[in-house]
Protein backbone atom coordinates (compact mmCIF):
# COMPACT_ATOMS: atom_id res chain seq x y z
CA MET A 1 -52.97 60.28 136.92
CA ASP A 2 -56.10 59.42 135.00
CA ASP A 3 -55.98 57.82 131.54
CA ALA A 4 -57.25 60.91 129.70
CA THR A 5 -54.52 63.11 131.20
CA ARG A 6 -51.86 60.49 130.47
CA THR A 7 -53.03 60.31 126.84
CA GLU A 8 -52.95 64.11 126.55
CA LEU A 9 -49.40 64.22 127.93
CA GLU A 10 -48.25 61.43 125.62
CA ALA A 11 -49.78 63.25 122.64
CA ALA A 12 -48.06 66.49 123.67
CA ALA A 13 -44.71 64.67 123.94
CA PHE A 14 -45.23 63.17 120.47
CA ARG A 15 -46.03 66.60 119.01
CA ARG A 16 -42.88 68.00 120.62
CA LEU A 17 -40.78 65.14 119.24
CA ARG A 18 -42.24 65.80 115.80
CA GLN A 19 -41.45 69.51 116.12
CA HIS A 20 -37.91 68.73 117.20
CA LEU A 21 -37.30 66.41 114.25
CA MET A 22 -39.09 68.50 111.63
CA GLN A 23 -38.36 72.09 112.66
CA ASP A 24 -35.54 72.19 115.18
CA ARG A 25 -33.33 69.48 113.63
CA PRO A 26 -34.31 68.82 110.01
CA ASP A 27 -30.56 68.50 109.34
CA VAL A 28 -30.47 65.16 111.14
CA GLN A 29 -30.74 62.56 108.43
CA ASN A 30 -33.29 59.75 108.67
CA ILE A 31 -30.59 57.19 107.97
CA ASP A 32 -28.53 58.49 110.92
CA LEU A 33 -31.57 58.30 113.20
CA MET A 34 -32.20 54.72 112.13
CA ASN A 35 -28.57 53.72 112.45
CA MET A 36 -28.16 55.24 115.91
CA ALA A 37 -31.61 54.94 117.48
CA GLY A 38 -33.32 52.18 115.54
CA PHE A 39 -36.12 54.43 114.31
CA CYS A 40 -36.57 57.48 112.09
CA ARG A 41 -39.25 59.86 110.90
CA ASN A 42 -40.60 57.20 108.53
CA CYS A 43 -41.00 54.83 111.47
CA LEU A 44 -42.97 57.47 113.34
CA SER A 45 -45.27 57.96 110.35
CA ARG A 46 -45.69 54.16 110.08
CA TRP A 47 -46.56 53.92 113.78
CA TYR A 48 -49.12 56.70 113.20
CA GLN A 49 -50.59 54.66 110.33
CA GLU A 50 -50.66 51.52 112.48
CA ALA A 51 -52.43 53.38 115.30
CA ALA A 52 -55.04 54.60 112.82
CA ALA A 53 -55.55 51.05 111.52
CA GLU A 54 -56.05 49.78 115.09
CA ARG A 55 -58.95 52.23 115.32
CA GLY A 56 -60.46 51.20 111.98
CA ILE A 57 -59.17 54.26 110.11
CA GLU A 58 -57.85 53.48 106.64
CA MET A 59 -54.66 55.35 105.89
CA GLY A 60 -52.04 54.57 103.28
CA LYS A 61 -48.30 54.84 103.84
CA GLU A 62 -48.00 58.02 101.77
CA ASP A 63 -51.00 59.58 103.57
CA ALA A 64 -49.38 58.90 106.95
CA ARG A 65 -46.07 60.29 105.76
CA GLU A 66 -47.72 63.46 104.47
CA ILE A 67 -49.46 63.94 107.82
CA PHE A 68 -46.19 63.48 109.71
CA TYR A 69 -43.95 65.46 107.33
CA GLY A 70 -46.52 68.19 106.67
CA MET A 71 -45.95 67.79 102.93
CA PRO A 72 -45.49 64.96 100.45
CA TYR A 73 -42.56 62.81 101.57
CA ASP A 74 -40.72 63.13 98.25
CA GLN A 75 -40.84 66.93 98.56
CA TRP A 76 -39.48 66.85 102.11
CA LYS A 77 -36.81 64.32 101.16
CA ALA A 78 -35.64 66.47 98.23
CA GLN A 79 -35.26 69.55 100.42
CA SER A 80 -33.96 67.96 103.62
CA GLN A 81 -32.12 64.70 103.01
CA ALA A 82 -28.67 64.13 101.54
CA ASP A 83 -27.55 61.04 99.66
CA ALA A 84 -26.40 58.33 102.02
CA THR A 85 -22.78 57.25 102.05
CA PRO A 86 -21.91 53.59 101.47
CA GLU A 87 -21.06 53.31 105.18
CA GLN A 88 -24.46 54.75 106.18
CA GLN A 89 -26.22 52.37 103.78
CA ALA A 90 -24.40 49.34 105.20
CA ALA A 91 -25.24 50.35 108.78
CA PHE A 92 -28.84 50.97 107.71
CA GLN A 93 -29.23 47.45 106.31
CA LYS A 94 -28.27 46.06 109.71
CA ALA A 95 -30.42 48.54 111.68
CA PHE A 96 -33.45 48.01 109.43
CA LYS A 97 -33.20 44.23 109.80
CA GLU A 98 -32.87 44.46 113.59
CA ASN A 99 -35.48 47.15 114.19
CA VAL A 100 -38.07 46.80 111.45
CA THR A 101 -37.89 43.51 109.56
CA ASP A 102 -37.45 41.25 112.59
CA LYS A 103 -40.16 43.09 114.58
CA GLY A 104 -43.13 42.08 112.50
């Protein structure tokens, strides 16, 4: 497989993942994704921002989130996310440290 085709397939898989998380399963909470998988929608938007930066494209965190979420993050959060339980918050602290803080 040539590099261009591989890149196209990877981009298609990313778009399908985004569709799954944003349209098919918006009920799945970001905190649950982070706690179980070590990443969430915010991570995906951050990785998008990082990929842009690697190519010399300036993009702020909120800009990347709006691109990924298709709307301002606060708007999406208000309509799609529930308040986290104390148990979810405790698990998140551990997951965030292991998967985000210690990675950089």
